[in-house]
Amino acid sequence: MSTITESVDVDVDVRTAYDQWTQFEDFPAFMEGVERIDQIDDTHLHWVVKVGPVTREFDATVTEQHPDERVAWTSDSGPEHAGVVTFHRLSDHATRVTVQMDVDPDGFVEEVADKAGLLDRRTRGDLQRFKEFIERRGGEPTGAWRGEVERP
């Protein structure tokens, strides 16, 4: 199991950063290797991702969600992983977004990618692209979901 922790400061308020992050189906616009995400209901997601030549599909459950604070998830199938994204208000117009994930690479390609630091670099790049995505939109999220999900 590997732990990845990366942060980025975005020039939008905490509500905007959080609201955009809850638009899971928009992740392919800024996450490398994410081909598609289907949101099944408020807490269940189906992912299609590509790591090198390998395409993987898996299901994940949002286990905790608190507006403007955090979103946590765990995988239900496929590569074993879990994580949390937290949102920290830096000012009225700046937010720190931090991703922490525990990943257990599934298969040879993912194991090599993990050992080579590719997963860390990909996460760092995804956060940088998230920053560019939301700032380029003038601080307007593509949508929002303000519901709460409590850890069972």
N, C-alpha and C. Protein backbone atom coordinates (compact mmCIF):
# COMPACT_ATOMS: atom_id res chain seq x y z
N MET A 1 0.86 -1.18 0.00
CA MET A 1 0.00 0.00 0.00
C MET A 1 0.90 1.23 0.00
N SER A 2 0.60 2.18 -0.89
CA SER A 2 1.33 3.44 -0.97
C SER A 2 0.42 4.58 -0.56
N THR A 3 1.00 5.58 0.09
CA THR A 3 0.24 6.78 0.45
C THR A 3 0.75 7.94 -0.39
N ILE A 4 -0.19 8.65 -0.98
CA ILE A 4 0.11 9.82 -1.81
C ILE A 4 -0.55 11.02 -1.15
N THR A 5 0.21 12.09 -0.96
CA THR A 5 -0.34 13.34 -0.43
C THR A 5 0.17 14.48 -1.29
N GLU A 6 -0.75 15.24 -1.86
CA GLU A 6 -0.41 16.39 -2.70
C GLU A 6 -1.40 17.52 -2.42
N SER A 7 -0.94 18.76 -2.58
CA SER A 7 -1.78 19.94 -2.38
C SER A 7 -1.57 20.94 -3.50
N VAL A 8 -2.57 21.78 -3.70
CA VAL A 8 -2.46 22.90 -4.62
C VAL A 8 -3.29 24.05 -4.06
N ASP A 9 -2.80 25.27 -4.25
CA ASP A 9 -3.56 26.46 -3.86
C ASP A 9 -4.24 27.00 -5.11
N VAL A 10 -5.56 27.17 -5.03
CA VAL A 10 -6.34 27.67 -6.15
C VAL A 10 -6.86 29.06 -5.83
N ASP A 11 -6.91 29.89 -6.84
CA ASP A 11 -7.35 31.28 -6.66
C ASP A 11 -8.86 31.41 -6.84
N VAL A 12 -9.59 30.65 -6.02
CA VAL A 12 -11.05 30.74 -5.93
C VAL A 12 -11.42 30.52 -4.48
N ASP A 13 -12.63 30.95 -4.11
CA ASP A 13 -13.07 30.76 -2.73
C ASP A 13 -13.32 29.28 -2.46
N VAL A 14 -13.39 28.92 -1.18
CA VAL A 14 -13.51 27.52 -0.78
C VAL A 14 -14.79 26.89 -1.31
N ARG A 15 -15.88 27.62 -1.35
CA ARG A 15 -17.14 27.07 -1.86
C ARG A 15 -17.01 26.67 -3.32
N THR A 16 -16.40 27.52 -4.12
CA THR A 16 -16.24 27.23 -5.55
C THR A 16 -15.35 26.01 -5.76
N ALA A 17 -14.24 25.94 -5.04
CA ALA A 17 -13.33 24.79 -5.18
C ALA A 17 -14.06 23.50 -4.80
N TYR A 18 -14.76 23.52 -3.69
CA TYR A 18 -15.50 22.34 -3.24
C TYR A 18 -16.59 21.96 -4.24
N ASP A 19 -17.38 22.96 -4.66
CA ASP A 19 -18.47 22.68 -5.59
C ASP A 19 -17.97 22.03 -6.87
N GLN A 20 -16.84 22.50 -7.40
CA GLN A 20 -16.31 21.90 -8.62
C GLN A 20 -15.84 20.48 -8.36
N TRP A 21 -15.21 20.25 -7.22
CA TRP A 21 -14.70 18.91 -6.93
C TRP A 21 -15.83 17.89 -6.83
N THR A 22 -17.03 18.32 -6.44
CA THR A 22 -18.15 17.38 -6.32
C THR A 22 -18.77 17.04 -7.67
N GLN A 23 -18.26 17.62 -8.74
CA GLN A 23 -18.75 17.32 -10.09
C GLN A 23 -17.88 16.21 -10.67
N PHE A 24 -18.05 15.00 -10.14
CA PHE A 24 -17.19 13.87 -10.46
C PHE A 24 -17.14 13.57 -11.96
N GLU A 25 -18.26 13.74 -12.65
CA GLU A 25 -18.30 13.42 -14.08
C GLU A 25 -17.43 14.37 -14.90
N ASP A 26 -17.01 15.50 -14.30
CA ASP A 26 -16.10 16.44 -14.99
C ASP A 26 -14.63 16.10 -14.76
N PHE A 27 -14.31 15.11 -13.93
CA PHE A 27 -12.91 14.77 -13.65
C PHE A 27 -12.08 14.50 -14.90
N PRO A 28 -12.63 13.87 -15.95
CA PRO A 28 -11.79 13.65 -17.14
C PRO A 28 -11.25 14.94 -17.76
N ALA A 29 -11.87 16.07 -17.48
CA ALA A 29 -11.40 17.34 -18.02
C ALA A 29 -10.06 17.78 -17.43
N PHE A 30 -9.70 17.24 -16.26
CA PHE A 30 -8.44 17.64 -15.63
C PHE A 30 -7.64 16.49 -15.03
N MET A 31 -8.18 15.28 -15.02
CA MET A 31 -7.45 14.15 -14.46
C MET A 31 -6.91 13.25 -15.57
N GLU A 32 -5.61 13.16 -15.62
CA GLU A 32 -4.93 12.33 -16.61
C GLU A 32 -5.31 10.87 -16.40
N GLY A 33 -5.66 10.21 -17.48
CA GLY A 33 -5.97 8.79 -17.43
C GLY A 33 -7.40 8.46 -17.05
N VAL A 34 -8.17 9.45 -16.60
CA VAL A 34 -9.58 9.19 -16.29
C VAL A 34 -10.37 9.34 -17.58
N GLU A 35 -10.86 8.21 -18.06
CA GLU A 35 -11.62 8.19 -19.31
C GLU A 35 -13.07 8.63 -19.08
N ARG A 36 -13.67 8.15 -17.97
CA ARG A 36 -15.08 8.43 -17.73
C ARG A 36 -15.42 8.12 -16.27
N ILE A 37 -16.34 8.90 -15.71
CA ILE A 37 -16.91 8.59 -14.40
C ILE A 37 -18.42 8.72 -14.55
N ASP A 38 -19.12 7.68 -14.13
CA ASP A 38 -20.57 7.71 -14.11
C ASP A 38 -21.00 7.79 -12.66
N GLN A 39 -21.79 8.83 -12.33
CA GLN A 39 -22.31 8.94 -10.97
C GLN A 39 -23.62 8.19 -10.92
N ILE A 40 -23.64 7.09 -10.19
CA ILE A 40 -24.80 6.21 -10.11
C ILE A 40 -25.88 6.82 -9.22
N ASP A 41 -25.48 7.34 -8.07
CA ASP A 41 -26.37 8.05 -7.15
C ASP A 41 -25.49 8.98 -6.31
N ASP A 42 -26.02 9.51 -5.22
CA ASP A 42 -25.28 10.50 -4.42
C ASP A 42 -23.94 9.98 -3.90
N THR A 43 -23.80 8.67 -3.71
CA THR A 43 -22.58 8.16 -3.09
C THR A 43 -21.85 7.10 -3.91
N HIS A 44 -22.37 6.70 -5.05
CA HIS A 44 -21.74 5.62 -5.82
C HIS A 44 -21.29 6.08 -7.20
N LEU A 45 -20.03 5.72 -7.52
CA LEU A 45 -19.40 6.14 -8.78
C LEU A 45 -18.83 4.94 -9.50
N HIS A 46 -18.90 4.96 -10.82
CA HIS A 46 -18.23 3.95 -11.65
C HIS A 46 -17.16 4.67 -12.46
N TRP A 47 -15.90 4.25 -12.31
CA TRP A 47 -14.75 4.87 -12.95
C TRP A 47 -14.23 3.99 -14.09
N VAL A 48 -13.76 4.63 -15.14
CA VAL A 48 -12.99 3.97 -16.20
C VAL A 48 -11.70 4.77 -16.32
N VAL A 49 -10.56 4.13 -16.01
CA VAL A 49 -9.26 4.81 -16.01
C VAL A 49 -8.27 4.02 -16.86
N LYS A 50 -7.24 4.75 -17.29
CA LYS A 50 -6.19 4.13 -18.08
C LYS A 50 -4.84 4.45 -17.43
N VAL A 51 -4.05 3.41 -17.19
CA VAL A 51 -2.68 3.56 -16.68
C VAL A 51 -1.79 2.90 -17.73
N GLY A 52 -1.07 3.72 -18.47
CA GLY A 52 -0.28 3.18 -19.58
C GLY A 52 -1.22 2.49 -20.55
N PRO A 53 -0.89 1.27 -20.95
CA PRO A 53 -1.74 0.56 -21.92
C PRO A 53 -2.92 -0.17 -21.28
N VAL A 54 -3.05 -0.10 -19.96
CA VAL A 54 -4.05 -0.89 -19.24
C VAL A 54 -5.27 -0.03 -18.89
N THR A 55 -6.45 -0.50 -19.25
CA THR A 55 -7.70 0.16 -18.87
C THR A 55 -8.33 -0.63 -17.73
N ARG A 56 -8.74 0.10 -16.69
CA ARG A 56 -9.38 -0.52 -15.53
C ARG A 56 -10.73 0.14 -15.29
N GLU A 57 -11.67 -0.65 -14.83
CA GLU A 57 -12.96 -0.13 -14.39
C GLU A 57 -13.14 -0.54 -12.94
N PHE A 58 -13.71 0.36 -12.15
CA PHE A 58 -13.98 0.04 -10.75
C PHE A 58 -15.10 0.90 -10.23
N ASP A 59 -15.65 0.47 -9.12
CA ASP A 59 -16.69 1.21 -8.43
C ASP A 59 -16.12 1.78 -7.14
N ALA A 60 -16.62 2.93 -6.75
CA ALA A 60 -16.19 3.57 -5.52
C ALA A 60 -17.40 4.16 -4.81
N THR A 61 -17.27 4.28 -3.50
CA THR A 61 -18.33 4.86 -2.68
C THR A 61 -17.79 6.09 -1.96
N VAL A 62 -18.55 7.19 -2.03
CA VAL A 62 -18.24 8.37 -1.23
C VAL A 62 -18.68 8.04 0.19
N THR A 63 -17.72 8.02 1.11
CA THR A 63 -18.00 7.60 2.49
C THR A 63 -18.25 8.77 3.43
N GLU A 64 -17.82 9.95 3.01
CA GLU A 64 -17.98 11.14 3.85
C GLU A 64 -17.93 12.36 2.95
N GLN A 65 -18.85 13.28 3.20
CA GLN A 65 -18.85 14.50 2.41
C GLN A 65 -19.47 15.61 3.24
N HIS A 66 -18.69 16.68 3.44
CA HIS A 66 -19.12 17.83 4.22
C HIS A 66 -18.81 19.07 3.39
N PRO A 67 -19.84 19.83 3.00
CA PRO A 67 -19.62 20.99 2.13
C PRO A 67 -18.51 21.91 2.63
N ASP A 68 -17.67 22.28 1.69
CA ASP A 68 -16.56 23.23 1.89
C ASP A 68 -15.47 22.69 2.80
N GLU A 69 -15.53 21.40 3.16
CA GLU A 69 -14.53 20.83 4.06
C GLU A 69 -13.83 19.60 3.50
N ARG A 70 -14.60 18.55 3.13
CA ARG A 70 -13.96 17.29 2.77
C ARG A 70 -14.88 16.38 1.98
N VAL A 71 -14.22 15.53 1.17
CA VAL A 71 -14.87 14.44 0.45
C VAL A 71 -13.96 13.23 0.62
N ALA A 72 -14.51 12.12 1.13
CA ALA A 72 -13.72 10.90 1.31
C ALA A 72 -14.38 9.77 0.53
N TRP A 73 -13.57 8.80 0.10
CA TRP A 73 -14.09 7.68 -0.68
C TRP A 73 -13.28 6.42 -0.43
N THR A 74 -13.84 5.32 -0.87
CA THR A 74 -13.14 4.04 -0.86
C THR A 74 -13.58 3.25 -2.08
N SER A 75 -12.69 2.42 -2.59
CA SER A 75 -13.06 1.58 -3.73
C SER A 75 -13.89 0.41 -3.27
N ASP A 76 -14.80 -0.02 -4.12
CA ASP A 76 -15.65 -1.18 -3.85
C ASP A 76 -15.19 -2.38 -4.67
N SER A 77 -14.51 -2.11 -5.77
CA SER A 77 -14.04 -3.16 -6.67
C SER A 77 -12.80 -2.65 -7.38
N GLY A 78 -12.10 -3.53 -8.06
CA GLY A 78 -10.91 -3.14 -8.82
C GLY A 78 -9.76 -2.81 -7.89
N PRO A 79 -8.85 -1.93 -8.34
CA PRO A 79 -7.68 -1.59 -7.52
C PRO A 79 -8.12 -1.04 -6.16
N GLU A 80 -7.51 -1.56 -5.10
CA GLU A 80 -7.88 -1.14 -3.76
C GLU A 80 -7.30 0.24 -3.47
N HIS A 81 -8.16 1.18 -3.12
CA HIS A 81 -7.70 2.51 -2.74
C HIS A 81 -8.77 3.22 -1.92
N ALA A 82 -8.34 4.23 -1.20
CA ALA A 82 -9.23 5.07 -0.41
C ALA A 82 -8.54 6.42 -0.28
N GLY A 83 -9.33 7.45 -0.02
CA GLY A 83 -8.71 8.75 0.11
C GLY A 83 -9.66 9.80 0.63
N VAL A 84 -9.09 10.98 0.77
CA VAL A 84 -9.85 12.15 1.22
C VAL A 84 -9.29 13.39 0.53
N VAL A 85 -10.18 14.28 0.17
CA VAL A 85 -9.79 15.59 -0.36
C VAL A 85 -10.31 16.61 0.64
N THR A 86 -9.43 17.49 1.10
CA THR A 86 -9.84 18.51 2.05
C THR A 86 -9.66 19.89 1.43
N PHE A 87 -10.47 20.82 1.88
CA PHE A 87 -10.50 22.18 1.36
C PHE A 87 -10.26 23.13 2.52
N HIS A 88 -9.20 23.95 2.40
CA HIS A 88 -8.81 24.86 3.48
C HIS A 88 -8.87 26.29 2.97
N ARG A 89 -9.68 27.12 3.60
CA ARG A 89 -9.81 28.52 3.23
C ARG A 89 -8.51 29.25 3.58
N LEU A 90 -7.87 29.83 2.58
CA LEU A 90 -6.67 30.64 2.81
C LEU A 90 -7.02 32.12 2.90
N SER A 91 -8.03 32.53 2.11
CA SER A 91 -8.53 33.90 2.12
C SER A 91 -9.90 33.87 1.45
N ASP A 92 -10.50 35.03 1.26
CA ASP A 92 -11.81 35.07 0.59
C ASP A 92 -11.74 34.55 -0.84
N HIS A 93 -10.54 34.57 -1.43
CA HIS A 93 -10.40 34.19 -2.84
C HIS A 93 -9.29 33.17 -3.07
N ALA A 94 -8.95 32.40 -2.06
CA ALA A 94 -7.91 31.38 -2.22
C ALA A 94 -8.20 30.19 -1.31
N THR A 95 -7.95 29.00 -1.85
CA THR A 95 -8.24 27.75 -1.14
C THR A 95 -7.11 26.76 -1.38
N ARG A 96 -6.72 26.04 -0.34
CA ARG A 96 -5.78 24.94 -0.49
C ARG A 96 -6.58 23.64 -0.60
N VAL A 97 -6.33 22.91 -1.68
CA VAL A 97 -6.97 21.62 -1.92
C VAL A 97 -5.90 20.56 -1.68
N THR A 98 -6.16 19.63 -0.76
CA THR A 98 -5.19 18.58 -0.42
C THR A 98 -5.83 17.22 -0.67
N VAL A 99 -5.10 16.39 -1.40
CA VAL A 99 -5.53 15.02 -1.68
C VAL A 99 -4.61 14.08 -0.92
N GLN A 100 -5.20 13.15 -0.19
CA GLN A 100 -4.43 12.08 0.45
C GLN A 100 -5.09 10.76 0.07
N MET A 101 -4.31 9.86 -0.53
CA MET A 101 -4.82 8.57 -0.98
C MET A 101 -3.92 7.44 -0.52
N ASP A 102 -4.55 6.33 -0.19
CA ASP A 102 -3.85 5.07 0.03
C ASP A 102 -4.20 4.19 -1.16
N VAL A 103 -3.19 3.75 -1.88
CA VAL A 103 -3.39 2.99 -3.11
C VAL A 103 -2.62 1.68 -3.02
N ASP A 104 -3.28 0.59 -3.39
CA ASP A 104 -2.64 -0.71 -3.49
C ASP A 104 -2.65 -1.07 -4.97
N PRO A 105 -1.53 -0.85 -5.67
CA PRO A 105 -1.50 -1.08 -7.12
C PRO A 105 -1.96 -2.49 -7.49
N ASP A 106 -2.75 -2.56 -8.55
CA ASP A 106 -3.33 -3.82 -9.00
C ASP A 106 -2.68 -4.21 -10.33
N GLY A 107 -1.79 -5.17 -10.31
CA GLY A 107 -1.17 -5.62 -11.54
C GLY A 107 0.22 -5.05 -11.75
N PHE A 108 0.92 -5.63 -12.69
CA PHE A 108 2.31 -5.29 -12.96
C PHE A 108 2.49 -3.83 -13.38
N VAL A 109 1.65 -3.35 -14.31
CA VAL A 109 1.81 -1.98 -14.83
C VAL A 109 1.61 -0.97 -13.71
N GLU A 110 0.57 -1.16 -12.89
CA GLU A 110 0.33 -0.23 -11.80
C GLU A 110 1.44 -0.28 -10.75
N GLU A 111 1.96 -1.49 -10.49
CA GLU A 111 3.06 -1.65 -9.53
C GLU A 111 4.30 -0.89 -10.00
N VAL A 112 4.63 -1.02 -11.26
CA VAL A 112 5.78 -0.31 -11.83
C VAL A 112 5.54 1.20 -11.77
N ALA A 113 4.33 1.63 -12.13
CA ALA A 113 4.01 3.06 -12.10
C ALA A 113 4.15 3.61 -10.69
N ASP A 114 3.71 2.86 -9.69
CA ASP A 114 3.82 3.28 -8.30
C ASP A 114 5.28 3.39 -7.89
N LYS A 115 6.06 2.36 -8.16
CA LYS A 115 7.48 2.34 -7.77
C LYS A 115 8.27 3.46 -8.45
N ALA A 116 7.86 3.81 -9.67
CA ALA A 116 8.57 4.86 -10.42
C ALA A 116 8.11 6.26 -10.02
N GLY A 117 7.15 6.35 -9.11
CA GLY A 117 6.66 7.66 -8.68
C GLY A 117 5.64 8.27 -9.63
N LEU A 118 5.17 7.48 -10.60
CA LEU A 118 4.22 8.00 -11.58
C LEU A 118 2.91 8.40 -10.92
N LEU A 119 2.43 7.64 -9.94
CA LEU A 119 1.15 7.97 -9.31
C LEU A 119 1.23 9.29 -8.55
N ASP A 120 2.35 9.54 -7.89
CA ASP A 120 2.54 10.83 -7.20
C ASP A 120 2.54 11.98 -8.21
N ARG A 121 3.30 11.81 -9.28
CA ARG A 121 3.40 12.86 -10.31
C ARG A 121 2.05 13.08 -10.99
N ARG A 122 1.32 11.99 -11.23
CA ARG A 122 0.02 12.12 -11.87
C ARG A 122 -0.93 12.89 -10.95
N THR A 123 -0.92 12.59 -9.67
CA THR A 123 -1.79 13.30 -8.72
C THR A 123 -1.42 14.77 -8.67
N ARG A 124 -0.14 15.07 -8.61
CA ARG A 124 0.32 16.46 -8.60
C ARG A 124 -0.14 17.18 -9.87
N GLY A 125 0.01 16.52 -11.01
CA GLY A 125 -0.43 17.10 -12.28
C GLY A 125 -1.93 17.28 -12.34
N ASP A 126 -2.69 16.31 -11.81
CA ASP A 126 -4.14 16.44 -11.78
C ASP A 126 -4.57 17.65 -10.97
N LEU A 127 -3.93 17.87 -9.83
CA LEU A 127 -4.27 19.04 -9.01
C LEU A 127 -3.92 20.34 -9.72
N GLN A 128 -2.79 20.37 -10.41
CA GLN A 128 -2.43 21.57 -11.17
C GLN A 128 -3.45 21.83 -12.28
N ARG A 129 -3.88 20.76 -12.96
CA ARG A 129 -4.89 20.93 -14.01
C ARG A 129 -6.24 21.33 -13.42
N PHE A 130 -6.57 20.85 -12.21
CA PHE A 130 -7.79 21.29 -11.53
C PHE A 130 -7.73 22.79 -11.29
N LYS A 131 -6.58 23.27 -10.80
CA LYS A 131 -6.38 24.70 -10.56
C LYS A 131 -6.62 25.49 -11.85
N GLU A 132 -5.99 25.06 -12.92
CA GLU A 132 -6.15 25.76 -14.21
C GLU A 132 -7.60 25.70 -14.69
N PHE A 133 -8.23 24.54 -14.52
CA PHE A 133 -9.62 24.34 -14.96
C PHE A 133 -10.55 25.31 -14.25
N ILE A 134 -10.51 25.37 -12.92
CA ILE A 134 -11.46 26.21 -12.18
C ILE A 134 -11.11 27.69 -12.32
N GLU A 135 -9.84 28.04 -12.35
CA GLU A 135 -9.47 29.45 -12.50
C GLU A 135 -9.81 29.95 -13.90
N ARG A 136 -9.64 29.11 -14.90
CA ARG A 136 -9.96 29.49 -16.29
C ARG A 136 -11.46 29.74 -16.45
N ARG A 137 -12.26 29.08 -15.64
CA ARG A 137 -13.71 29.26 -15.69
C ARG A 137 -14.14 30.55 -14.96
N GLY A 138 -13.18 31.34 -14.51
CA GLY A 138 -13.50 32.58 -13.81
C GLY A 138 -14.09 32.33 -12.43
N GLY A 139 -13.73 31.19 -11.85
CA GLY A 139 -14.23 30.89 -10.51
C GLY A 139 -15.66 30.41 -10.50
N GLU A 140 -16.18 29.98 -11.65
CA GLU A 140 -17.54 29.46 -11.72
C GLU A 140 -17.50 27.94 -11.88
N PRO A 141 -18.00 27.20 -10.90
CA PRO A 141 -18.01 25.74 -11.02
C PRO A 141 -19.02 25.29 -12.07
N THR A 142 -18.85 24.09 -12.60
CA THR A 142 -19.78 23.55 -13.59
C THR A 142 -21.06 23.06 -12.93
N GLY A 143 -21.06 22.99 -11.61
CA GLY A 143 -22.23 22.54 -10.86
C GLY A 143 -21.87 22.46 -9.39
N ALA A 144 -22.80 21.93 -8.59
CA ALA A 144 -22.54 21.80 -7.16
C ALA A 144 -23.45 20.75 -6.57
N TRP A 145 -22.96 20.10 -5.54
CA TRP A 145 -23.79 19.22 -4.73
C TRP A 145 -23.43 19.53 -3.29
N ARG A 146 -24.38 20.04 -2.53
CA ARG A 146 -24.11 20.52 -1.18
C ARG A 146 -24.58 19.55 -0.11
N GLY A 147 -24.94 18.34 -0.50
CA GLY A 147 -25.43 17.36 0.46
C GLY A 147 -24.35 16.86 1.40
N GLU A 148 -24.77 16.29 2.50
CA GLU A 148 -23.86 15.70 3.49
C GLU A 148 -23.87 14.19 3.36
N VAL A 149 -22.73 13.58 3.53
CA VAL A 149 -22.61 12.13 3.63
C VAL A 149 -21.84 11.88 4.91
N GLU A 150 -22.43 11.11 5.81
CA GLU A 150 -21.79 10.80 7.09
C GLU A 150 -21.13 9.43 7.01
N ARG A 151 -19.97 9.32 7.59
CA ARG A 151 -19.27 8.03 7.66
C ARG A 151 -20.16 7.05 8.41
N PRO A 152 -20.34 5.84 7.84
CA PRO A 152 -21.23 4.85 8.52
C PRO A 152 -20.68 4.41 9.86
